[in-house]
Amino acid sequence: MDFSSSSSGSSSSGSQPSPEVFMDQLKSQLAQAYAEEFLETVRGKCFSKCITKPGTSLSGGESSCISRCVDRYIEATGIVSRALFSQTR
């Protein structure tokens, strides 16, 4: 993780970012990592489930399957996230 630059645009060499800047950068990088992992997981699972004969284009059935698979995965992730966050409160 690179925390060498601050969001205020002014930084002197060797200075540490403020705790707020550090937390903002950390949150941003964690969100990006989560999004990349989520997309890779969905891509892998839905491809395995829906694409029977890889080719240059998707058939209508494959396209529908991919769409439903992604929608279900997003919905399931939301349900699990809400359940986890409601337990922590």
Protein backbone atom coordinates (compact mmCIF):
# COMPACT_ATOMS: atom_id res chain seq x y z
CA MET A 1 0.00 0.00 0.00
CA ASP A 2 1.31 3.39 -0.96
CA PHE A 3 0.54 6.11 1.56
CA SER A 4 3.17 8.51 0.31
CA SER A 5 0.79 11.15 -1.01
CA SER A 6 -1.83 13.06 0.90
CA SER A 7 -5.25 14.06 -0.35
CA SER A 8 -4.59 17.73 0.41
CA GLY A 9 -2.00 17.84 -2.33
CA SER A 10 0.68 19.34 -0.10
CA SER A 11 3.20 17.04 1.47
CA SER A 12 6.72 17.55 2.58
CA SER A 13 9.21 14.77 2.07
CA GLY A 14 9.40 12.40 5.00
CA SER A 15 6.17 13.59 6.63
CA GLN A 16 3.52 11.10 7.64
CA PRO A 17 -0.06 11.51 6.40
CA SER A 18 -2.58 12.58 8.99
CA PRO A 19 -4.65 9.79 10.54
CA GLU A 20 -7.70 10.95 8.57
CA VAL A 21 -5.83 10.88 5.25
CA PHE A 22 -4.34 7.50 6.14
CA MET A 23 -7.78 6.05 6.95
CA ASP A 24 -9.31 7.50 3.76
CA GLN A 25 -6.54 5.96 1.66
CA LEU A 26 -6.85 2.65 3.47
CA LYS A 27 -10.62 2.56 3.01
CA SER A 28 -10.25 3.40 -0.66
CA GLN A 29 -7.65 0.69 -1.24
CA LEU A 30 -9.67 -1.89 0.69
CA ALA A 31 -12.81 -1.03 -1.29
CA GLN A 32 -10.88 -1.39 -4.55
CA ALA A 33 -9.42 -4.74 -3.46
CA TYR A 34 -12.87 -5.98 -2.41
CA ALA A 35 -14.39 -4.90 -5.73
CA GLU A 36 -11.64 -6.64 -7.71
CA GLU A 37 -12.03 -9.84 -5.68
CA PHE A 38 -15.82 -9.70 -6.02
CA LEU A 39 -15.63 -9.30 -9.80
CA GLU A 40 -13.08 -12.09 -10.15
CA THR A 41 -15.22 -14.44 -8.06
CA VAL A 42 -18.39 -13.63 -10.00
CA ARG A 43 -16.54 -13.94 -13.31
CA GLY A 44 -15.13 -17.35 -12.41
CA LYS A 45 -18.28 -18.83 -10.91
CA CYS A 46 -20.66 -17.54 -13.57
CA PHE A 47 -18.33 -18.47 -16.44
CA SER A 48 -17.99 -22.01 -15.13
CA LYS A 49 -21.73 -22.34 -14.68
CA CYS A 50 -22.95 -20.67 -17.86
CA ILE A 51 -20.38 -21.00 -20.64
CA THR A 52 -20.49 -24.53 -22.02
CA LYS A 53 -18.68 -23.91 -25.31
CA PRO A 54 -16.38 -20.87 -25.22
CA GLY A 55 -16.35 -19.02 -28.52
CA THR A 56 -16.15 -15.57 -30.01
CA SER A 57 -19.60 -14.56 -28.78
CA LEU A 58 -22.23 -15.56 -26.24
CA SER A 59 -25.38 -17.43 -27.21
CA GLY A 60 -28.70 -16.06 -26.00
CA GLY A 61 -28.90 -18.75 -23.32
CA GLU A 62 -25.37 -18.06 -22.11
CA SER A 63 -26.04 -14.34 -21.97
CA SER A 64 -29.25 -14.87 -19.95
CA CYS A 65 -27.48 -17.31 -17.64
CA ILE A 66 -24.62 -14.87 -17.01
CA SER A 67 -27.07 -12.07 -16.27
CA ARG A 68 -29.10 -14.18 -13.83
CA CYS A 69 -25.94 -15.55 -12.19
CA VAL A 70 -24.46 -12.09 -11.61
CA ASP A 71 -27.81 -10.77 -10.31
CA ARG A 72 -28.12 -13.68 -7.87
CA TYR A 73 -24.55 -13.32 -6.69
CA ILE A 74 -24.99 -9.59 -6.07
CA GLU A 75 -28.28 -10.21 -4.24
CA ALA A 76 -26.77 -12.98 -2.08
CA THR A 77 -23.75 -10.83 -1.23
CA GLY A 78 -26.08 -8.01 -0.16
CA ILE A 79 -28.12 -10.34 2.06
CA VAL A 80 -25.01 -11.73 3.74
CA SER A 81 -23.53 -8.24 4.20
CA ARG A 82 -26.73 -6.90 5.77
CA ALA A 83 -26.93 -9.92 8.09
CA LEU A 84 -23.32 -9.50 9.19
CA PHE A 85 -23.66 -5.76 9.76
CA SER A 86 -26.94 -6.13 11.66
CA GLN A 87 -25.27 -8.61 14.06
CA THR A 88 -22.44 -6.20 14.85
CA ARG A 89 -24.80 -3.47 16.05
